[in-house]
């Protein structure tokens, strides 16, 4: 989505809100999506990061 110039924040937030108690959402981003992380913290979701390279981060979200 980012490559097409789209901002996926609303789609990611919608997907996070649908997570079951034992589910994890993984997103792949070319940077640390700080505003998204801040928003999910305010909604009391957990997240963690895995830096794969300088241009690839895996971000995981859970309830």
PDB file of N, CA and C in Angstrom:
ATOM      1  N   UNK A   1       0.818  -1.195   0.000  1.00  0.00           N
ATOM      2  CA  UNK A   1       0.000   0.000   0.000  1.00  0.00           C
ATOM      3  C   UNK A   1       0.861   1.257   0.000  1.00  0.00           C
ATOM      4  N   UNK A   2       1.912   1.230   0.794  1.00  0.00           N
ATOM      5  CA  UNK A   2       2.795   2.402   0.839  1.00  0.00           C
ATOM      6  C   UNK A   2       3.425   2.675  -0.517  1.00  0.00           C
ATOM      7  N   UNK A   3       3.779   1.610  -1.224  1.00  0.00           N
ATOM      8  CA  UNK A   3       4.376   1.779  -2.554  1.00  0.00           C
ATOM      9  C   UNK A   3       3.415   2.443  -3.534  1.00  0.00           C
ATOM     10  N   UNK A   4       2.119   2.301  -3.285  1.00  0.00           N
ATOM     11  CA  UNK A   4       1.114   2.934  -4.144  1.00  0.00           C
ATOM     12  C   UNK A   4       0.750   4.333  -3.663  1.00  0.00           C
ATOM     13  N   UNK A   5       1.414   4.809  -2.596  1.00  0.00           N
ATOM     14  CA  UNK A   5       1.139   6.128  -2.050  1.00  0.00           C
ATOM     15  C   UNK A   5      -0.054   6.168  -1.120  1.00  0.00           C
ATOM     16  N   UNK A   6      -0.526   5.006  -0.694  1.00  0.00           N
ATOM     17  CA  UNK A   6      -1.677   4.926   0.201  1.00  0.00           C
ATOM     18  C   UNK A   6      -1.215   4.860   1.649  1.00  0.00           C
ATOM     19  N   UNK A   7      -2.025   5.391   2.537  1.00  0.00           N
ATOM     20  CA  UNK A   7      -1.755   5.332   3.968  1.00  0.00           C
ATOM     21  C   UNK A   7      -2.642   4.247   4.583  1.00  0.00           C
ATOM     22  N   UNK A   8      -2.062   3.158   5.033  1.00  0.00           N
ATOM     23  CA  UNK A   8      -2.855   2.015   5.493  1.00  0.00           C
ATOM     24  C   UNK A   8      -3.297   2.066   6.951  1.00  0.00           C
ATOM     25  N   UNK A   9      -3.135   3.203   7.622  1.00  0.00           N
ATOM     26  CA  UNK A   9      -3.406   3.271   9.060  1.00  0.00           C
ATOM     27  C   UNK A   9      -4.812   2.778   9.398  1.00  0.00           C
ATOM     28  N   UNK A  10      -5.814   3.251   8.680  1.00  0.00           N
ATOM     29  CA  UNK A  10      -7.186   2.872   9.025  1.00  0.00           C
ATOM     30  C   UNK A  10      -7.451   1.392   8.785  1.00  0.00           C
ATOM     31  N   UNK A  11      -6.878   0.844   7.732  1.00  0.00           N
ATOM     32  CA  UNK A  11      -7.046  -0.591   7.471  1.00  0.00           C
ATOM     33  C   UNK A  11      -6.349  -1.424   8.542  1.00  0.00           C
ATOM     34  N   UNK A  12      -5.163  -1.002   8.939  1.00  0.00           N
ATOM     35  CA  UNK A  12      -4.437  -1.740   9.979  1.00  0.00           C
ATOM     36  C   UNK A  12      -5.197  -1.669  11.297  1.00  0.00           C
ATOM     37  N   UNK A  13      -5.683  -0.480  11.666  1.00  0.00           N
ATOM     38  CA  UNK A  13      -6.445  -0.351  12.913  1.00  0.00           C
ATOM     39  C   UNK A  13      -7.703  -1.207  12.883  1.00  0.00           C
ATOM     40  N   UNK A  14      -8.385  -1.256  11.756  1.00  0.00           N
ATOM     41  CA  UNK A  14      -9.584  -2.096  11.642  1.00  0.00           C
ATOM     42  C   UNK A  14      -9.220  -3.570  11.826  1.00  0.00           C
ATOM     43  N   UNK A  15      -8.112  -3.996  11.249  1.00  0.00           N
ATOM     44  CA  UNK A  15      -7.680  -5.392  11.381  1.00  0.00           C
ATOM     45  C   UNK A  15      -7.278  -5.706  12.823  1.00  0.00           C
ATOM     46  N   UNK A  16      -6.611  -4.763  13.469  1.00  0.00           N
ATOM     47  CA  UNK A  16      -6.200  -4.970  14.861  1.00  0.00           C
ATOM     48  C   UNK A  16      -7.416  -5.132  15.763  1.00  0.00           C
ATOM     49  N   UNK A  17      -8.434  -4.319  15.532  1.00  0.00           N
ATOM     50  CA  UNK A  17      -9.639  -4.370  16.368  1.00  0.00           C
ATOM     51  C   UNK A  17     -10.399  -5.687  16.206  1.00  0.00           C
ATOM     52  N   UNK A  18     -10.162  -6.418  15.127  1.00  0.00           N
ATOM     53  CA  UNK A  18     -10.826  -7.702  14.895  1.00  0.00           C
ATOM     54  C   UNK A  18     -10.060  -8.882  15.488  1.00  0.00           C
ATOM     55  N   UNK A  19      -8.875  -8.628  16.044  1.00  0.00           N
ATOM     56  CA  UNK A  19      -8.053  -9.716  16.561  1.00  0.00           C
ATOM     57  C   UNK A  19      -8.741 -10.441  17.701  1.00  0.00           C
ATOM     58  N   UNK A  20      -8.667 -11.764  17.648  1.00  0.00           N
ATOM     59  CA  UNK A  20      -9.121 -12.579  18.761  1.00  0.00           C
ATOM     60  C   UNK A  20      -8.042 -12.600  19.837  1.00  0.00           C
ATOM     61  N   UNK A  21      -8.375 -13.129  20.988  1.00  0.00           N
ATOM     62  CA  UNK A  21      -7.447 -13.147  22.110  1.00  0.00           C
ATOM     63  C   UNK A  21      -6.159 -13.900  21.863  1.00  0.00           C
ATOM     64  N   UNK A  22      -6.168 -14.852  20.939  1.00  0.00           N
ATOM     65  CA  UNK A  22      -4.973 -15.646  20.666  1.00  0.00           C
ATOM     66  C   UNK A  22      -4.389 -15.359  19.283  1.00  0.00           C
ATOM     67  N   UNK A  23      -4.820 -14.265  18.655  1.00  0.00           N
ATOM     68  CA  UNK A  23      -4.352 -13.934  17.309  1.00  0.00           C
ATOM     69  C   UNK A  23      -3.308 -12.827  17.336  1.00  0.00           C
ATOM     70  N   UNK A  24      -2.438 -12.835  16.333  1.00  0.00           N
ATOM     71  CA  UNK A  24      -1.398 -11.822  16.162  1.00  0.00           C
ATOM     72  C   UNK A  24      -1.468 -11.317  14.728  1.00  0.00           C
ATOM     73  N   UNK A  25      -1.408 -10.005  14.576  1.00  0.00           N
ATOM     74  CA  UNK A  25      -1.361  -9.392  13.252  1.00  0.00           C
ATOM     75  C   UNK A  25       0.075  -8.978  12.967  1.00  0.00           C
ATOM     76  N   UNK A  26       0.584  -9.359  11.810  1.00  0.00           N
ATOM     77  CA  UNK A  26       1.926  -8.972  11.383  1.00  0.00           C
ATOM     78  C   UNK A  26       1.800  -7.999  10.215  1.00  0.00           C
ATOM     79  N   UNK A  27       2.497  -6.874  10.315  1.00  0.00           N
ATOM     80  CA  UNK A  27       2.600  -5.986   9.165  1.00  0.00           C
ATOM     81  C   UNK A  27       4.074  -5.820   8.836  1.00  0.00           C
ATOM     82  N   UNK A  28       4.355  -5.559   7.582  1.00  0.00           N
ATOM     83  CA  UNK A  28       5.715  -5.343   7.106  1.00  0.00           C
ATOM     84  C   UNK A  28       5.793  -3.894   6.645  1.00  0.00           C
ATOM     85  N   UNK A  29       6.761  -3.161   7.168  1.00  0.00           N
ATOM     86  CA  UNK A  29       6.882  -1.736   6.847  1.00  0.00           C
ATOM     87  C   UNK A  29       8.341  -1.394   6.560  1.00  0.00           C
ATOM     88  N   UNK A  30       8.562  -0.356   5.734  1.00  0.00           N
ATOM     89  CA  UNK A  30       9.934   0.064   5.439  1.00  0.00           C
ATOM     90  C   UNK A  30      10.513   0.987   6.504  1.00  0.00           C
ATOM     91  N   UNK A  31       9.746   1.264   7.561  1.00  0.00           N
ATOM     92  CA  UNK A  31      10.174   2.143   8.656  1.00  0.00           C
ATOM     93  C   UNK A  31       9.367   1.767   9.885  1.00  0.00           C
ATOM     94  N   UNK A  32       9.749   2.300  11.033  1.00  0.00           N
ATOM     95  CA  UNK A  32       8.971   2.077  12.254  1.00  0.00           C
ATOM     96  C   UNK A  32       7.751   2.992  12.198  1.00  0.00           C
ATOM     97  N   UNK A  33       6.557   2.436  12.188  1.00  0.00           N
ATOM     98  CA  UNK A  33       5.343   3.254  12.061  1.00  0.00           C
ATOM     99  C   UNK A  33       4.923   3.853  13.409  1.00  0.00           C
ATOM    100  N   UNK A  34       5.679   4.831  13.873  1.00  0.00           N
ATOM    101  CA  UNK A  34       5.490   5.399  15.209  1.00  0.00           C
ATOM    102  C   UNK A  34       4.070   5.888  15.486  1.00  0.00           C
ATOM    103  N   UNK A  35       3.418   6.648  14.593  1.00  0.00           N
ATOM    104  CA  UNK A  35       2.046   7.079  14.902  1.00  0.00           C
ATOM    105  C   UNK A  35       1.086   5.904  15.094  1.00  0.00           C
ATOM    106  N   UNK A  36       1.253   4.857  14.307  1.00  0.00           N
ATOM    107  CA  UNK A  36       0.420   3.670  14.457  1.00  0.00           C
ATOM    108  C   UNK A  36       0.684   2.998  15.803  1.00  0.00           C
ATOM    109  N   UNK A  37       1.932   2.904  16.190  1.00  0.00           N
ATOM    110  CA  UNK A  37       2.269   2.300  17.478  1.00  0.00           C
ATOM    111  C   UNK A  37       1.672   3.106  18.624  1.00  0.00           C
ATOM    112  N   UNK A  38       1.777   4.430  18.544  1.00  0.00           N
ATOM    113  CA  UNK A  38       1.196   5.282  19.581  1.00  0.00           C
ATOM    114  C   UNK A  38      -0.310   5.073  19.687  1.00  0.00           C
ATOM    115  N   UNK A  39      -0.970   4.994  18.556  1.00  0.00           N
ATOM    116  CA  UNK A  39      -2.424   4.806  18.556  1.00  0.00           C
ATOM    117  C   UNK A  39      -2.805   3.458  19.157  1.00  0.00           C
ATOM    118  N   UNK A  40      -2.091   2.411  18.799  1.00  0.00           N
ATOM    119  CA  UNK A  40      -2.435   1.091  19.334  1.00  0.00           C
ATOM    120  C   UNK A  40      -2.147   1.006  20.835  1.00  0.00           C
ATOM    121  N   UNK A  41      -1.134   1.719  21.305  1.00  0.00           N
ATOM    122  CA  UNK A  41      -0.875   1.767  22.751  1.00  0.00           C
ATOM    123  C   UNK A  41      -2.058   2.417  23.456  1.00  0.00           C
ATOM    124  N   UNK A  42      -2.565   3.518  22.885  1.00  0.00           N
ATOM    125  CA  UNK A  42      -3.708   4.206  23.505  1.00  0.00           C
ATOM    126  C   UNK A  42      -4.957   3.319  23.517  1.00  0.00           C
ATOM    127  N   UNK A  43      -5.050   2.384  22.586  1.00  0.00           N
ATOM    128  CA  UNK A  43      -6.166   1.434  22.535  1.00  0.00           C
ATOM    129  C   UNK A  43      -5.881   0.174  23.355  1.00  0.00           C
ATOM    130  N   UNK A  44      -4.729   0.140  24.014  1.00  0.00           N
ATOM    131  CA  UNK A  44      -4.286  -0.943  24.899  1.00  0.00           C
ATOM    132  C   UNK A  44      -4.016  -2.262  24.182  1.00  0.00           C
ATOM    133  N   UNK A  45      -3.443  -2.155  22.993  1.00  0.00           N
ATOM    134  CA  UNK A  45      -2.943  -3.333  22.289  1.00  0.00           C
ATOM    135  C   UNK A  45      -1.437  -3.413  22.497  1.00  0.00           C
ATOM    136  N   UNK A  46      -0.912  -4.622  22.467  1.00  0.00           N
ATOM    137  CA  UNK A  46       0.531  -4.827  22.587  1.00  0.00           C
ATOM    138  C   UNK A  46       1.143  -4.857  21.197  1.00  0.00           C
ATOM    139  N   UNK A  47       2.403  -4.493  21.123  1.00  0.00           N
ATOM    140  CA  UNK A  47       3.132  -4.608  19.856  1.00  0.00           C
ATOM    141  C   UNK A  47       4.590  -4.906  20.145  1.00  0.00           C
ATOM    142  N   UNK A  48       5.255  -5.470  19.159  1.00  0.00           N
ATOM    143  CA  UNK A  48       6.692  -5.659  19.217  1.00  0.00           C
ATOM    144  C   UNK A  48       7.230  -5.615  17.794  1.00  0.00           C
ATOM    145  N   UNK A  49       8.521  -5.329  17.683  1.00  0.00           N
ATOM    146  CA  UNK A  49       9.163  -5.115  16.384  1.00  0.00           C
ATOM    147  C   UNK A  49      10.264  -6.129  16.157  1.00  0.00           C
ATOM    148  N   UNK A  50      10.471  -6.437  14.899  1.00  0.00           N
ATOM    149  CA  UNK A  50      11.596  -7.262  14.472  1.00  0.00           C
ATOM    150  C   UNK A  50      12.221  -6.556  13.269  1.00  0.00           C
ATOM    151  N   UNK A  51      13.399  -6.019  13.457  1.00  0.00           N
ATOM    152  CA  UNK A  51      14.086  -5.317  12.373  1.00  0.00           C
ATOM    153  C   UNK A  51      14.794  -6.345  11.507  1.00  0.00           C
ATOM    154  N   UNK A  52      14.324  -6.505  10.276  1.00  0.00           N
ATOM    155  CA  UNK A  52      14.912  -7.472   9.355  1.00  0.00           C
ATOM    156  C   UNK A  52      16.085  -6.871   8.587  1.00  0.00           C
ATOM    157  N   UNK A  53      15.982  -5.580   8.264  1.00  0.00           N
ATOM    158  CA  UNK A  53      17.042  -4.881   7.546  1.00  0.00           C
ATOM    159  C   UNK A  53      16.818  -3.385   7.755  1.00  0.00           C
ATOM    160  N   UNK A  54      17.641  -2.566   7.137  1.00  0.00           N
ATOM    161  CA  UNK A  54      17.474  -1.118   7.243  1.00  0.00           C
ATOM    162  C   UNK A  54      16.158  -0.649   6.622  1.00  0.00           C
ATOM    163  N   UNK A  55      15.578  -1.451   5.744  1.00  0.00           N
ATOM    164  CA  UNK A  55      14.364  -1.041   5.035  1.00  0.00           C
ATOM    165  C   UNK A  55      13.185  -1.982   5.261  1.00  0.00           C
ATOM    166  N   UNK A  56      13.309  -2.867   6.240  1.00  0.00           N
ATOM    167  CA  UNK A  56      12.190  -3.772   6.510  1.00  0.00           C
ATOM    168  C   UNK A  56      12.054  -4.041   7.997  1.00  0.00           C
ATOM    169  N   UNK A  57      10.877  -3.689   8.487  1.00  0.00           N
ATOM    170  CA  UNK A  57      10.520  -3.958   9.867  1.00  0.00           C
ATOM    171  C   UNK A  57       9.272  -4.841   9.858  1.00  0.00           C
ATOM    172  N   UNK A  58       9.243  -5.804  10.749  1.00  0.00           N
ATOM    173  CA  UNK A  58       8.047  -6.604  10.973  1.00  0.00           C
ATOM    174  C   UNK A  58       7.470  -6.094  12.294  1.00  0.00           C
ATOM    175  N   UNK A  59       6.216  -5.714  12.257  1.00  0.00           N
ATOM    176  CA  UNK A  59       5.546  -5.206  13.450  1.00  0.00           C
ATOM    177  C   UNK A  59       4.397  -6.151  13.748  1.00  0.00           C
ATOM    178  N   UNK A  60       4.334  -6.576  15.006  1.00  0.00           N
ATOM    179  CA  UNK A  60       3.325  -7.537  15.438  1.00  0.00           C
ATOM    180  C   UNK A  60       2.414  -6.871  16.458  1.00  0.00           C
ATOM    181  N   UNK A  61       1.120  -7.166  16.349  1.00  0.00           N
ATOM    182  CA  UNK A  61       0.132  -6.604  17.258  1.00  0.00           C
ATOM    183  C   UNK A  61      -0.705  -7.725  17.869  1.00  0.00           C
ATOM    184  N   UNK A  62      -1.076  -7.546  19.136  1.00  0.00           N
ATOM    185  CA  UNK A  62      -1.927  -8.508  19.827  1.00  0.00           C
ATOM    186  C   UNK A  62      -2.731  -7.763  20.886  1.00  0.00           C
ATOM    187  N   UNK A  63      -3.811  -8.410  21.333  1.00  0.00           N
ATOM    188  CA  UNK A  63      -4.630  -7.817  22.398  1.00  0.00           C
ATOM    189  C   UNK A  63      -3.871  -7.826  23.699  1.00  0.00           C
TER     190      UNK A  63
END
